[in-house]
Amino acid sequence: MSERLEEDPVFMKIREIFSPVPYERGFHFFTATDRYTGETATSIDSFVQKLQVIEADSIGFHFPRKDFQNWIRGVIKDERLAEEIDRIKEEQSNEDLRKEVVKTIETHLYELRSDALQILYD
């Protein structure tokens, strides 16, 4: 990576958000307190992919507890995305929650990738 990019705080923040984390710090999907689904996301990209196929009960378990936002905020270090997910209304079906969370994350990630490309080509 060029020195110019390493000195750009926005680019480095985007890079951090997309970086994988160790398995232990990954998002472990559950359907209830003692019911691990066997699925773990170790990056924001794998998180959004798994959200699309995980059991709907897992969405219903994690969303009211704010587990998604807490992991995104604390591990992925993306405060803005966590705040966007905070604004999603809980009073809907698990499938509708899934769609809205996935759409929110995908839109955000698209914007981050666009920002990174802008920095690369400026």
PDB file of N, CA and C in Angstrom:
ATOM      1  N   MET A   1       0.853  -1.169   0.000  1.00  0.00           N
ATOM      2  CA  MET A   1       0.000   0.000   0.000  1.00  0.00           C
ATOM      3  C   MET A   1       0.897   1.229   0.000  1.00  0.00           C
ATOM      4  N   SER A   2       0.505   2.218  -0.758  1.00  0.00           N
ATOM      5  CA  SER A   2       1.328   3.415  -0.866  1.00  0.00           C
ATOM      6  C   SER A   2       1.294   4.209   0.439  1.00  0.00           C
ATOM      7  N   GLU A   3       2.353   4.968   0.642  1.00  0.00           N
ATOM      8  CA  GLU A   3       2.458   5.797   1.838  1.00  0.00           C
ATOM      9  C   GLU A   3       1.322   6.821   1.896  1.00  0.00           C
ATOM     10  N   ARG A   4       0.923   7.338   0.739  1.00  0.00           N
ATOM     11  CA  ARG A   4      -0.171   8.312   0.681  1.00  0.00           C
ATOM     12  C   ARG A   4      -1.451   7.716   1.255  1.00  0.00           C
ATOM     13  N   LEU A   5      -1.750   6.462   0.897  1.00  0.00           N
ATOM     14  CA  LEU A   5      -2.966   5.811   1.400  1.00  0.00           C
ATOM     15  C   LEU A   5      -2.865   5.534   2.899  1.00  0.00           C
ATOM     16  N   GLU A   6      -1.672   5.132   3.347  1.00  0.00           N
ATOM     17  CA  GLU A   6      -1.488   4.840   4.764  1.00  0.00           C
ATOM     18  C   GLU A   6      -1.636   6.092   5.617  1.00  0.00           C
ATOM     19  N   GLU A   7      -1.465   7.249   5.016  1.00  0.00           N
ATOM     20  CA  GLU A   7      -1.602   8.508   5.752  1.00  0.00           C
ATOM     21  C   GLU A   7      -3.016   9.075   5.664  1.00  0.00           C
ATOM     22  N   ASP A   8      -3.870   8.472   4.871  1.00  0.00           N
ATOM     23  CA  ASP A   8      -5.235   8.959   4.726  1.00  0.00           C
ATOM     24  C   ASP A   8      -6.116   8.295   5.786  1.00  0.00           C
ATOM     25  N   PRO A   9      -6.590   9.073   6.788  1.00  0.00           N
ATOM     26  CA  PRO A   9      -7.363   8.458   7.878  1.00  0.00           C
ATOM     27  C   PRO A   9      -8.683   7.839   7.417  1.00  0.00           C
ATOM     28  N   VAL A  10      -9.324   8.411   6.418  1.00  0.00           N
ATOM     29  CA  VAL A  10     -10.595   7.847   5.929  1.00  0.00           C
ATOM     30  C   VAL A  10     -10.336   6.497   5.267  1.00  0.00           C
ATOM     31  N   PHE A  11      -9.312   6.423   4.432  1.00  0.00           N
ATOM     32  CA  PHE A  11      -8.990   5.169   3.762  1.00  0.00           C
ATOM     33  C   PHE A  11      -8.626   4.091   4.785  1.00  0.00           C
ATOM     34  N   MET A  12      -7.841   4.467   5.787  1.00  0.00           N
ATOM     35  CA  MET A  12      -7.424   3.493   6.798  1.00  0.00           C
ATOM     36  C   MET A  12      -8.617   3.015   7.624  1.00  0.00           C
ATOM     37  N   LYS A  13      -9.585   3.886   7.883  1.00  0.00           N
ATOM     38  CA  LYS A  13     -10.792   3.498   8.616  1.00  0.00           C
ATOM     39  C   LYS A  13     -11.616   2.510   7.782  1.00  0.00           C
ATOM     40  N   ILE A  14     -11.753   2.792   6.496  1.00  0.00           N
ATOM     41  CA  ILE A  14     -12.480   1.881   5.611  1.00  0.00           C
ATOM     42  C   ILE A  14     -11.783   0.526   5.571  1.00  0.00           C
ATOM     43  N   ARG A  15     -10.473   0.545   5.486  1.00  0.00           N
ATOM     44  CA  ARG A  15      -9.699  -0.696   5.467  1.00  0.00           C
ATOM     45  C   ARG A  15      -9.933  -1.500   6.751  1.00  0.00           C
ATOM     46  N   GLU A  16      -9.960  -0.813   7.882  1.00  0.00           N
ATOM     47  CA  GLU A  16     -10.205  -1.477   9.164  1.00  0.00           C
ATOM     48  C   GLU A  16     -11.594  -2.129   9.180  1.00  0.00           C
ATOM     49  N   ILE A  17     -12.592  -1.414   8.683  1.00  0.00           N
ATOM     50  CA  ILE A  17     -13.966  -1.931   8.682  1.00  0.00           C
ATOM     51  C   ILE A  17     -14.076  -3.216   7.860  1.00  0.00           C
ATOM     52  N   PHE A  18     -13.355  -3.305   6.761  1.00  0.00           N
ATOM     53  CA  PHE A  18     -13.445  -4.478   5.894  1.00  0.00           C
ATOM     54  C   PHE A  18     -12.484  -5.605   6.285  1.00  0.00           C
ATOM     55  N   SER A  19     -11.623  -5.361   7.249  1.00  0.00           N
ATOM     56  CA  SER A  19     -10.634  -6.373   7.640  1.00  0.00           C
ATOM     57  C   SER A  19     -11.278  -7.508   8.421  1.00  0.00           C
ATOM     58  N   PRO A  20     -10.821  -8.731   8.186  1.00  0.00           N
ATOM     59  CA  PRO A  20     -11.339  -9.864   8.964  1.00  0.00           C
ATOM     60  C   PRO A  20     -10.850  -9.791  10.411  1.00  0.00           C
ATOM     61  N   VAL A  21     -11.613 -10.423  11.285  1.00  0.00           N
ATOM     62  CA  VAL A  21     -11.247 -10.496  12.700  1.00  0.00           C
ATOM     63  C   VAL A  21     -11.010 -11.959  13.054  1.00  0.00           C
ATOM     64  N   PRO A  22     -10.298 -12.218  14.151  1.00  0.00           N
ATOM     65  CA  PRO A  22     -10.110 -13.618  14.572  1.00  0.00           C
ATOM     66  C   PRO A  22     -11.453 -14.279  14.891  1.00  0.00           C
ATOM     67  N   TYR A  23     -11.512 -15.582  14.716  1.00  0.00           N
ATOM     68  CA  TYR A  23     -12.740 -16.348  14.952  1.00  0.00           C
ATOM     69  C   TYR A  23     -13.354 -16.021  16.315  1.00  0.00           C
ATOM     70  N   GLU A  24     -12.525 -15.910  17.325  1.00  0.00           N
ATOM     71  CA  GLU A  24     -13.012 -15.653  18.684  1.00  0.00           C
ATOM     72  C   GLU A  24     -13.773 -14.333  18.771  1.00  0.00           C
ATOM     73  N   ARG A  25     -13.442 -13.380  17.920  1.00  0.00           N
ATOM     74  CA  ARG A  25     -14.099 -12.073  17.935  1.00  0.00           C
ATOM     75  C   ARG A  25     -15.183 -11.980  16.866  1.00  0.00           C
ATOM     76  N   GLY A  26     -15.410 -13.080  16.163  1.00  0.00           N
ATOM     77  CA  GLY A  26     -16.431 -13.111  15.126  1.00  0.00           C
ATOM     78  C   GLY A  26     -17.832 -13.021  15.715  1.00  0.00           C
ATOM     79  N   PHE A  27     -18.813 -12.831  14.830  1.00  0.00           N
ATOM     80  CA  PHE A  27     -20.210 -12.819  15.266  1.00  0.00           C
ATOM     81  C   PHE A  27     -20.719 -14.247  15.205  1.00  0.00           C
ATOM     82  N   HIS A  28     -21.078 -14.793  16.361  1.00  0.00           N
ATOM     83  CA  HIS A  28     -21.565 -16.164  16.473  1.00  0.00           C
ATOM     84  C   HIS A  28     -23.094 -16.123  16.510  1.00  0.00           C
ATOM     85  N   PHE A  29     -23.707 -16.710  15.516  1.00  0.00           N
ATOM     86  CA  PHE A  29     -25.166 -16.671  15.385  1.00  0.00           C
ATOM     87  C   PHE A  29     -25.824 -17.726  16.270  1.00  0.00           C
ATOM     88  N   PHE A  30     -26.804 -17.283  17.051  1.00  0.00           N
ATOM     89  CA  PHE A  30     -27.589 -18.150  17.925  1.00  0.00           C
ATOM     90  C   PHE A  30     -29.064 -17.973  17.582  1.00  0.00           C
ATOM     91  N   THR A  31     -29.884 -18.948  17.976  1.00  0.00           N
ATOM     92  CA  THR A  31     -31.339 -18.794  17.876  1.00  0.00           C
ATOM     93  C   THR A  31     -31.957 -18.635  19.264  1.00  0.00           C
ATOM     94  N   ALA A  32     -31.186 -18.961  20.284  1.00  0.00           N
ATOM     95  CA  ALA A  32     -31.563 -18.788  21.686  1.00  0.00           C
ATOM     96  C   ALA A  32     -30.261 -18.805  22.481  1.00  0.00           C
ATOM     97  N   THR A  33     -30.330 -18.527  23.747  1.00  0.00           N
ATOM     98  CA  THR A  33     -29.121 -18.396  24.565  1.00  0.00           C
ATOM     99  C   THR A  33     -28.179 -19.591  24.430  1.00  0.00           C
ATOM    100  N   ASP A  34     -28.694 -20.798  24.457  1.00  0.00           N
ATOM    101  CA  ASP A  34     -27.840 -21.990  24.384  1.00  0.00           C
ATOM    102  C   ASP A  34     -27.910 -22.701  23.036  1.00  0.00           C
ATOM    103  N   ARG A  35     -28.376 -22.010  21.997  1.00  0.00           N
ATOM    104  CA  ARG A  35     -28.585 -22.670  20.703  1.00  0.00           C
ATOM    105  C   ARG A  35     -27.760 -22.008  19.607  1.00  0.00           C
ATOM    106  N   TYR A  36     -26.488 -22.382  19.541  1.00  0.00           N
ATOM    107  CA  TYR A  36     -25.571 -21.890  18.513  1.00  0.00           C
ATOM    108  C   TYR A  36     -25.914 -22.542  17.181  1.00  0.00           C
ATOM    109  N   THR A  37     -25.982 -21.741  16.126  1.00  0.00           N
ATOM    110  CA  THR A  37     -26.358 -22.266  14.805  1.00  0.00           C
ATOM    111  C   THR A  37     -25.201 -22.954  14.091  1.00  0.00           C
ATOM    112  N   GLY A  38     -23.977 -22.756  14.579  1.00  0.00           N
ATOM    113  CA  GLY A  38     -22.809 -23.290  13.893  1.00  0.00           C
ATOM    114  C   GLY A  38     -22.219 -22.294  12.908  1.00  0.00           C
ATOM    115  N   GLU A  39     -22.823 -21.124  12.812  1.00  0.00           N
ATOM    116  CA  GLU A  39     -22.359 -20.094  11.867  1.00  0.00           C
ATOM    117  C   GLU A  39     -21.680 -18.946  12.606  1.00  0.00           C
ATOM    118  N   THR A  40     -20.530 -18.538  12.075  1.00  0.00           N
ATOM    119  CA  THR A  40     -19.787 -17.408  12.625  1.00  0.00           C
ATOM    120  C   THR A  40     -19.292 -16.547  11.475  1.00  0.00           C
ATOM    121  N   ALA A  41     -19.477 -15.244  11.605  1.00  0.00           N
ATOM    122  CA  ALA A  41     -18.972 -14.286  10.612  1.00  0.00           C
ATOM    123  C   ALA A  41     -17.710 -13.646  11.171  1.00  0.00           C
ATOM    124  N   THR A  42     -16.658 -13.592  10.353  1.00  0.00           N
ATOM    125  CA  THR A  42     -15.400 -13.003  10.811  1.00  0.00           C
ATOM    126  C   THR A  42     -15.028 -11.735  10.034  1.00  0.00           C
ATOM    127  N   SER A  43     -15.992 -11.209   9.299  1.00  0.00           N
ATOM    128  CA  SER A  43     -15.802  -9.927   8.602  1.00  0.00           C
ATOM    129  C   SER A  43     -17.180  -9.344   8.349  1.00  0.00           C
ATOM    130  N   ILE A  44     -17.223  -8.081   8.012  1.00  0.00           N
ATOM    131  CA  ILE A  44     -18.513  -7.460   7.723  1.00  0.00           C
ATOM    132  C   ILE A  44     -19.116  -8.064   6.453  1.00  0.00           C
ATOM    133  N   ASP A  45     -18.281  -8.438   5.499  1.00  0.00           N
ATOM    134  CA  ASP A  45     -18.796  -9.078   4.281  1.00  0.00           C
ATOM    135  C   ASP A  45     -19.397 -10.450   4.577  1.00  0.00           C
ATOM    136  N   SER A  46     -18.707 -11.262   5.385  1.00  0.00           N
ATOM    137  CA  SER A  46     -19.269 -12.579   5.700  1.00  0.00           C
ATOM    138  C   SER A  46     -20.500 -12.429   6.594  1.00  0.00           C
ATOM    139  N   PHE A  47     -20.538 -11.391   7.414  1.00  0.00           N
ATOM    140  CA  PHE A  47     -21.702 -11.131   8.259  1.00  0.00           C
ATOM    141  C   PHE A  47     -22.951 -10.899   7.405  1.00  0.00           C
ATOM    142  N   VAL A  48     -22.853 -10.019   6.421  1.00  0.00           N
ATOM    143  CA  VAL A  48     -24.029  -9.723   5.594  1.00  0.00           C
ATOM    144  C   VAL A  48     -24.413 -10.939   4.745  1.00  0.00           C
ATOM    145  N   GLN A  49     -23.444 -11.726   4.315  1.00  0.00           N
ATOM    146  CA  GLN A  49     -23.754 -12.944   3.560  1.00  0.00           C
ATOM    147  C   GLN A  49     -24.517 -13.944   4.435  1.00  0.00           C
ATOM    148  N   LYS A  50     -24.039 -14.146   5.649  1.00  0.00           N
ATOM    149  CA  LYS A  50     -24.692 -15.103   6.543  1.00  0.00           C
ATOM    150  C   LYS A  50     -26.071 -14.611   6.990  1.00  0.00           C
ATOM    151  N   LEU A  51     -26.237 -13.305   7.143  1.00  0.00           N
ATOM    152  CA  LEU A  51     -27.552 -12.760   7.500  1.00  0.00           C
ATOM    153  C   LEU A  51     -28.615 -13.140   6.474  1.00  0.00           C
ATOM    154  N   GLN A  52     -28.203 -13.281   5.217  1.00  0.00           N
ATOM    155  CA  GLN A  52     -29.154 -13.580   4.154  1.00  0.00           C
ATOM    156  C   GLN A  52     -29.660 -15.017   4.193  1.00  0.00           C
ATOM    157  N   VAL A  53     -28.941 -15.905   4.860  1.00  0.00           N
ATOM    158  CA  VAL A  53     -29.309 -17.325   4.834  1.00  0.00           C
ATOM    159  C   VAL A  53     -29.529 -17.941   6.216  1.00  0.00           C
ATOM    160  N   ILE A  54     -29.167 -17.227   7.257  1.00  0.00           N
ATOM    161  CA  ILE A  54     -29.306 -17.767   8.611  1.00  0.00           C
ATOM    162  C   ILE A  54     -30.796 -17.941   8.937  1.00  0.00           C
ATOM    163  N   GLU A  55     -31.106 -18.843   9.842  1.00  0.00           N
ATOM    164  CA  GLU A  55     -32.488 -19.036  10.271  1.00  0.00           C
ATOM    165  C   GLU A  55     -33.082 -17.697  10.723  1.00  0.00           C
ATOM    166  N   ALA A  56     -34.321 -17.450  10.367  1.00  0.00           N
ATOM    167  CA  ALA A  56     -34.986 -16.199  10.753  1.00  0.00           C
ATOM    168  C   ALA A  56     -35.057 -16.054  12.275  1.00  0.00           C
ATOM    169  N   ASP A  57     -35.143 -17.182  12.987  1.00  0.00           N
ATOM    170  CA  ASP A  57     -35.173 -17.127  14.452  1.00  0.00           C
ATOM    171  C   ASP A  57     -33.903 -16.485  15.020  1.00  0.00           C
ATOM    172  N   SER A  58     -32.800 -16.625  14.315  1.00  0.00           N
ATOM    173  CA  SER A  58     -31.556 -16.010  14.765  1.00  0.00           C
ATOM    174  C   SER A  58     -31.647 -14.486  14.697  1.00  0.00           C
ATOM    175  N   ILE A  59     -32.276 -13.979  13.644  1.00  0.00           N
ATOM    176  CA  ILE A  59     -32.496 -12.534  13.525  1.00  0.00           C
ATOM    177  C   ILE A  59     -33.367 -12.064  14.695  1.00  0.00           C
ATOM    178  N   GLY A  60     -34.433 -12.808  14.956  1.00  0.00           N
ATOM    179  CA  GLY A  60     -35.346 -12.467  16.042  1.00  0.00           C
ATOM    180  C   GLY A  60     -34.699 -12.547  17.419  1.00  0.00           C
ATOM    181  N   PHE A  61     -33.712 -13.402  17.564  1.00  0.00           N
ATOM    182  CA  PHE A  61     -33.001 -13.510  18.837  1.00  0.00           C
ATOM    183  C   PHE A  61     -32.034 -12.336  19.026  1.00  0.00           C
ATOM    184  N   HIS A  62     -31.241 -12.054  18.004  1.00  0.00           N
ATOM    185  CA  HIS A  62     -30.174 -11.057  18.140  1.00  0.00           C
ATOM    186  C   HIS A  62     -30.636  -9.610  18.047  1.00  0.00           C
ATOM    187  N   PHE A  63     -31.596  -9.328  17.174  1.00  0.00           N
ATOM    188  CA  PHE A  63     -31.937  -7.931  16.907  1.00  0.00           C
ATOM    189  C   PHE A  63     -32.421  -7.172  18.155  1.00  0.00           C
ATOM    190  N   PRO A  64     -33.379  -7.709  18.918  1.00  0.00           N
ATOM    191  CA  PRO A  64     -33.856  -6.964  20.096  1.00  0.00           C
ATOM    192  C   PRO A  64     -32.766  -6.755  21.153  1.00  0.00           C
ATOM    193  N   ARG A  65     -31.763  -7.617  21.153  1.00  0.00           N
ATOM    194  CA  ARG A  65     -30.665  -7.519  22.123  1.00  0.00           C
ATOM    195  C   ARG A  65     -29.587  -6.540  21.661  1.00  0.00           C
ATOM    196  N   LYS A  66     -29.750  -6.046  20.431  1.00  0.00           N
ATOM    197  CA  LYS A  66     -28.779  -5.132  19.811  1.00  0.00           C
ATOM    198  C   LYS A  66     -27.402  -5.778  19.612  1.00  0.00           C
ATOM    199  N   ASP A  67     -27.411  -7.106  19.433  1.00  0.00           N
ATOM    200  CA  ASP A  67     -26.158  -7.829  19.227  1.00  0.00           C
ATOM    201  C   ASP A  67     -25.460  -7.410  17.936  1.00  0.00           C
ATOM    202  N   PHE A  68     -26.234  -7.187  16.862  1.00  0.00           N
ATOM    203  CA  PHE A  68     -25.624  -6.797  15.586  1.00  0.00           C
ATOM    204  C   PHE A  68     -24.892  -5.475  15.745  1.00  0.00           C
ATOM    205  N   GLN A  69     -25.587  -4.484  16.306  1.00  0.00           N
ATOM    206  CA  GLN A  69     -25.016  -3.155  16.472  1.00  0.00           C
ATOM    207  C   GLN A  69     -23.788  -3.206  17.388  1.00  0.00           C
ATOM    208  N   ASN A  70     -23.893  -3.960  18.476  1.00  0.00           N
ATOM    209  CA  ASN A  70     -22.771  -4.042  19.422  1.00  0.00           C
ATOM    210  C   ASN A  70     -21.537  -4.646  18.778  1.00  0.00           C
ATOM    211  N   TRP A  71     -21.712  -5.676  17.955  1.00  0.00           N
ATOM    212  CA  TRP A  71     -20.576  -6.299  17.284  1.00  0.00           C
ATOM    213  C   TRP A  71     -19.998  -5.355  16.234  1.00  0.00           C
ATOM    214  N   ILE A  72     -20.853  -4.743  15.459  1.00  0.00           N
ATOM    215  CA  ILE A  72     -20.392  -3.809  14.424  1.00  0.00           C
ATOM    216  C   ILE A  72     -19.673  -2.629  15.056  1.00  0.00           C
ATOM    217  N   ARG A  73     -20.196  -2.127  16.152  1.00  0.00           N
ATOM    218  CA  ARG A  73     -19.599  -0.984  16.844  1.00  0.00           C
ATOM    219  C   ARG A  73     -18.293  -1.381  17.541  1.00  0.00           C
ATOM    220  N   GLY A  74     -18.325  -2.469  18.283  1.00  0.00           N
ATOM    221  CA  GLY A  74     -17.193  -2.837  19.131  1.00  0.00           C
ATOM    222  C   GLY A  74     -16.079  -3.600  18.449  1.00  0.00           C
ATOM    223  N   VAL A  75     -16.424  -4.435  17.486  1.00  0.00           N
ATOM    224  CA  VAL A  75     -15.418  -5.297  16.832  1.00  0.00           C
ATOM    225  C   VAL A  75     -15.053  -4.759  15.452  1.00  0.00           C
ATOM    226  N   ILE A  76     -16.041  -4.471  14.635  1.00  0.00           N
ATOM    227  CA  ILE A  76     -15.793  -3.980  13.277  1.00  0.00           C
ATOM    228  C   ILE A  76     -15.385  -2.507  13.296  1.00  0.00           C
ATOM    229  N   LYS A  77     -15.785  -1.792  14.337  1.00  0.00           N
ATOM    230  CA  LYS A  77     -15.427  -0.374  14.542  1.00  0.00           C
ATOM    231  C   LYS A  77     -16.098   0.541  13.527  1.00  0.00           C
ATOM    232  N   ASP A  78     -17.381   0.270  13.281  1.00  0.00           N
ATOM    233  CA  ASP A  78     -18.143   1.113  12.350  1.00  0.00           C
ATOM    234  C   ASP A  78     -19.344   1.697  13.094  1.00  0.00           C
ATOM    235  N   GLU A  79     -19.101   2.807  13.749  1.00  0.00           N
ATOM    236  CA  GLU A  79     -20.133   3.477  14.549  1.00  0.00           C
ATOM    237  C   GLU A  79     -21.315   3.913  13.693  1.00  0.00           C
ATOM    238  N   ARG A  80     -21.029   4.452  12.513  1.00  0.00           N
ATOM    239  CA  ARG A  80     -22.101   4.956  11.650  1.00  0.00           C
ATOM    240  C   ARG A  80     -23.060   3.842  11.243  1.00  0.00           C
ATOM    241  N   LEU A  81     -22.538   2.696  10.853  1.00  0.00           N
ATOM    242  CA  LEU A  81     -23.397   1.573  10.480  1.00  0.00           C
ATOM    243  C   LEU A  81     -24.207   1.087  11.683  1.00  0.00           C
ATOM    244  N   ALA A  82     -23.583   1.010  12.841  1.00  0.00           N
ATOM    245  CA  ALA A  82     -24.303   0.584  14.049  1.00  0.00           C
ATOM    246  C   ALA A  82     -25.475   1.532  14.318  1.00  0.00           C
ATOM    247  N   GLU A  83     -25.254   2.829  14.146  1.00  0.00           N
ATOM    248  CA  GLU A  83     -26.324   3.805  14.357  1.00  0.00           C
ATOM    249  C   GLU A  83     -27.439   3.644  13.326  1.00  0.00           C
ATOM    250  N   GLU A  84     -27.075   3.339  12.084  1.00  0.00           N
ATOM    251  CA  GLU A  84     -28.095   3.121  11.050  1.00  0.00           C
ATOM    252  C   GLU A  84     -28.966   1.913  11.398  1.00  0.00           C
ATOM    253  N   ILE A  85     -28.360   0.858  11.901  1.00  0.00           N
ATOM    254  CA  ILE A  85     -29.114  -0.331  12.288  1.00  0.00           C
ATOM    255  C   ILE A  85     -29.979  -0.038  13.519  1.00  0.00           C
ATOM    256  N   ASP A  86     -29.473   0.804  14.417  1.00  0.00           N
ATOM    257  CA  ASP A  86     -30.263   1.216  15.587  1.00  0.00           C
ATOM    258  C   ASP A  86     -31.587   1.846  15.183  1.00  0.00           C
ATOM    259  N   ARG A  87     -31.642   2.497  14.041  1.00  0.00           N
ATOM    260  CA  ARG A  87     -32.852   3.197  13.605  1.00  0.00           C
ATOM    261  C   ARG A  87     -33.904   2.268  12.982  1.00  0.00           C
ATOM    262  N   ILE A  88     -33.555   1.015  12.756  1.00  0.00           N
ATOM    263  CA  ILE A  88     -34.510   0.065  12.187  1.00  0.00           C
ATOM    264  C   ILE A  88     -35.545  -0.295  13.254  1.00  0.00           C
ATOM    265  N   LYS A  89     -36.791  -0.259  12.856  1.00  0.00           N
ATOM    266  CA  LYS A  89     -37.894  -0.566  13.778  1.00  0.00           C
ATOM    267  C   LYS A  89     -37.957  -2.069  14.047  1.00  0.00           C
ATOM    268  N   GLU A  90     -38.022  -2.403  15.327  1.00  0.00           N
ATOM    269  CA  GLU A  90     -38.040  -3.803  15.748  1.00  0.00           C
ATOM    270  C   GLU A  90     -39.385  -4.470  15.499  1.00  0.00           C
ATOM    271  N   GLU A  91     -40.458  -3.704  15.437  1.00  0.00           N
ATOM    272  CA  GLU A  91     -41.809  -4.242  15.355  1.00  0.00           C
ATOM    273  C   GLU A  91     -42.158  -4.709  13.949  1.00  0.00           C
ATOM    274  N   GLN A  92     -41.497  -5.745  13.495  1.00  0.00           N
ATOM    275  CA  GLN A  92     -41.788  -6.354  12.195  1.00  0.00           C
ATOM    276  C   GLN A  92     -41.364  -7.812  12.248  1.00  0.00           C
ATOM    277  N   SER A  93     -41.745  -8.567  11.239  1.00  0.00           N
ATOM    278  CA  SER A  93     -41.413  -9.993  11.226  1.00  0.00           C
ATOM    279  C   SER A  93     -39.892 -10.173  11.125  1.00  0.00           C
ATOM    280  N   ASN A  94     -39.431 -11.343  11.527  1.00  0.00           N
ATOM    281  CA  ASN A  94     -37.996 -11.637  11.428  1.00  0.00           C
ATOM    282  C   ASN A  94     -37.512 -11.548   9.992  1.00  0.00           C
ATOM    283  N   GLU A  95     -38.337 -11.983   9.042  1.00  0.00           N
ATOM    284  CA  GLU A  95     -37.950 -11.908   7.626  1.00  0.00           C
ATOM    285  C   GLU A  95     -37.837 -10.453   7.156  1.00  0.00           C
ATOM    286  N   ASP A  96     -38.782  -9.612   7.586  1.00  0.00           N
ATOM    287  CA  ASP A  96     -38.709  -8.200   7.218  1.00  0.00           C
ATOM    288  C   ASP A  96     -37.516  -7.520   7.884  1.00  0.00           C
ATOM    289  N   LEU A  97     -37.242  -7.906   9.135  1.00  0.00           N
ATOM    290  CA  LEU A  97     -36.048  -7.388   9.811  1.00  0.00           C
ATOM    291  C   LEU A  97     -34.799  -7.772   9.034  1.00  0.00           C
ATOM    292  N   ARG A  98     -34.730  -9.044   8.624  1.00  0.00           N
ATOM    293  CA  ARG A  98     -33.583  -9.527   7.856  1.00  0.00           C
ATOM    294  C   ARG A  98     -33.381  -8.651   6.618  1.00  0.00           C
ATOM    295  N   LYS A  99     -34.460  -8.459   5.868  1.00  0.00           N
ATOM    296  CA  LYS A  99     -34.357  -7.675   4.628  1.00  0.00           C
ATOM    297  C   LYS A  99     -33.864  -6.263   4.905  1.00  0.00           C
ATOM    298  N   GLU A 100     -34.394  -5.647   5.937  1.00  0.00           N
ATOM    299  CA  GLU A 100     -34.028  -4.261   6.228  1.00  0.00           C
ATOM    300  C   GLU A 100     -32.586  -4.150   6.732  1.00  0.00           C
ATOM    301  N   VAL A 101     -32.167  -5.089   7.572  1.00  0.00           N
ATOM    302  CA  VAL A 101     -30.790  -5.071   8.071  1.00  0.00           C
ATOM    303  C   VAL A 101     -29.815  -5.319   6.921  1.00  0.00           C
ATOM    304  N   VAL A 102     -30.102  -6.308   6.098  1.00  0.00           N
ATOM    305  CA  VAL A 102     -29.225  -6.610   4.956  1.00  0.00           C
ATOM    306  C   VAL A 102     -29.138  -5.414   4.014  1.00  0.00           C
ATOM    307  N   LYS A 103     -30.275  -4.826   3.694  1.00  0.00           N
ATOM    308  CA  LYS A 103     -30.280  -3.662   2.796  1.00  0.00           C
ATOM    309  C   LYS A 103     -29.475  -2.502   3.392  1.00  0.00           C
ATOM    310  N   THR A 104     -29.641  -2.254   4.676  1.00  0.00           N
ATOM    311  CA  THR A 104     -28.915  -1.183   5.353  1.00  0.00           C
ATOM    312  C   THR A 104     -27.402  -1.423   5.278  1.00  0.00           C
ATOM    313  N   ILE A 105     -26.986  -2.641   5.563  1.00  0.00           N
ATOM    314  CA  ILE A 105     -25.555  -2.960   5.539  1.00  0.00           C
ATOM    315  C   ILE A 105     -25.020  -2.890   4.117  1.00  0.00           C
ATOM    316  N   GLU A 106     -25.718  -3.494   3.163  1.00  0.00           N
ATOM    317  CA  GLU A 106     -25.236  -3.482   1.775  1.00  0.00           C
ATOM    318  C   GLU A 106     -25.118  -2.065   1.230  1.00  0.00           C
ATOM    319  N   THR A 107     -26.074  -1.208   1.531  1.00  0.00           N
ATOM    320  CA  THR A 107     -26.012   0.187   1.078  1.00  0.00           C
ATOM    321  C   THR A 107     -24.804   0.887   1.693  1.00  0.00           C
ATOM    322  N   HIS A 108     -24.608   0.678   2.976  1.00  0.00           N
ATOM    323  CA  HIS A 108     -23.479   1.296   3.679  1.00  0.00           C
ATOM    324  C   HIS A 108     -22.140   0.815   3.106  1.00  0.00           C
ATOM    325  N   LEU A 109     -22.028  -0.484   2.888  1.00  0.00           N
ATOM    326  CA  LEU A 109     -20.772  -1.032   2.357  1.00  0.00           C
ATOM    327  C   LEU A 109     -20.502  -0.536   0.941  1.00  0.00           C
ATOM    328  N   TYR A 110     -21.544  -0.392   0.145  1.00  0.00           N
ATOM    329  CA  TYR A 110     -21.394   0.164  -1.197  1.00  0.00           C
ATOM    330  C   TYR A 110     -20.831   1.587  -1.119  1.00  0.00           C
ATOM    331  N   GLU A 111     -21.372   2.371  -0.201  1.00  0.00           N
ATOM    332  CA  GLU A 111     -20.882   3.746  -0.037  1.00  0.00           C
ATOM    333  C   GLU A 111     -19.429   3.768   0.411  1.00  0.00           C
ATOM    334  N   LEU A 112     -19.062   2.881   1.328  1.00  0.00           N
ATOM    335  CA  LEU A 112     -17.669   2.819   1.777  1.00  0.00           C
ATOM    336  C   LEU A 112     -16.733   2.429   0.641  1.00  0.00           C
ATOM    337  N   ARG A 113     -17.146   1.451  -0.157  1.00  0.00           N
ATOM    338  CA  ARG A 113     -16.306   1.040  -1.294  1.00  0.00           C
ATOM    339  C   ARG A 113     -16.161   2.185  -2.298  1.00  0.00           C
ATOM    340  N   SER A 114     -17.238   2.915  -2.519  1.00  0.00           N
ATOM    341  CA  SER A 114     -17.181   4.081  -3.418  1.00  0.00           C
ATOM    342  C   SER A 114     -16.222   5.131  -2.875  1.00  0.00           C
ATOM    343  N   ASP A 115     -16.289   5.386  -1.576  1.00  0.00           N
ATOM    344  CA  ASP A 115     -15.372   6.340  -0.938  1.00  0.00           C
ATOM    345  C   ASP A 115     -13.929   5.898  -1.098  1.00  0.00           C
ATOM    346  N   ALA A 116     -13.675   4.608  -0.905  1.00  0.00           N
ATOM    347  CA  ALA A 116     -12.312   4.087  -1.031  1.00  0.00           C
ATOM    348  C   ALA A 116     -11.801   4.256  -2.461  1.00  0.00           C
ATOM    349  N   LEU A 117     -12.647   3.967  -3.442  1.00  0.00           N
ATOM    350  CA  LEU A 117     -12.241   4.137  -4.840  1.00  0.00           C
ATOM    351  C   LEU A 117     -11.950   5.605  -5.159  1.00  0.00           C
ATOM    352  N   GLN A 118     -12.749   6.481  -4.626  1.00  0.00           N
ATOM    353  CA  GLN A 118     -12.533   7.912  -4.821  1.00  0.00           C
ATOM    354  C   GLN A 118     -11.148   8.309  -4.297  1.00  0.00           C
ATOM    355  N   ILE A 119     -10.798   7.808  -3.121  1.00  0.00           N
ATOM    356  CA  ILE A 119      -9.488   8.121  -2.531  1.00  0.00           C
ATOM    357  C   ILE A 119      -8.377   7.527  -3.383  1.00  0.00           C
ATOM    358  N   LEU A 120      -8.567   6.291  -3.846  1.00  0.00           N
ATOM    359  CA  LEU A 120      -7.537   5.630  -4.654  1.00  0.00           C
ATOM    360  C   LEU A 120      -7.244   6.389  -5.954  1.00  0.00           C
ATOM    361  N   TYR A 121      -8.277   6.944  -6.549  1.00  0.00           N
ATOM    362  CA  TYR A 121      -8.109   7.552  -7.873  1.00  0.00           C
ATOM    363  C   TYR A 121      -8.007   9.057  -7.857  1.00  0.00           C
ATOM    364  N   ASP A 122      -7.978   9.670  -6.662  1.00  0.00           N
ATOM    365  CA  ASP A 122      -7.760  11.113  -6.582  1.00  0.00           C
ATOM    366  C   ASP A 122      -6.283  11.440  -6.643  1.00  0.00           C
TER     367      ASP A 122
END
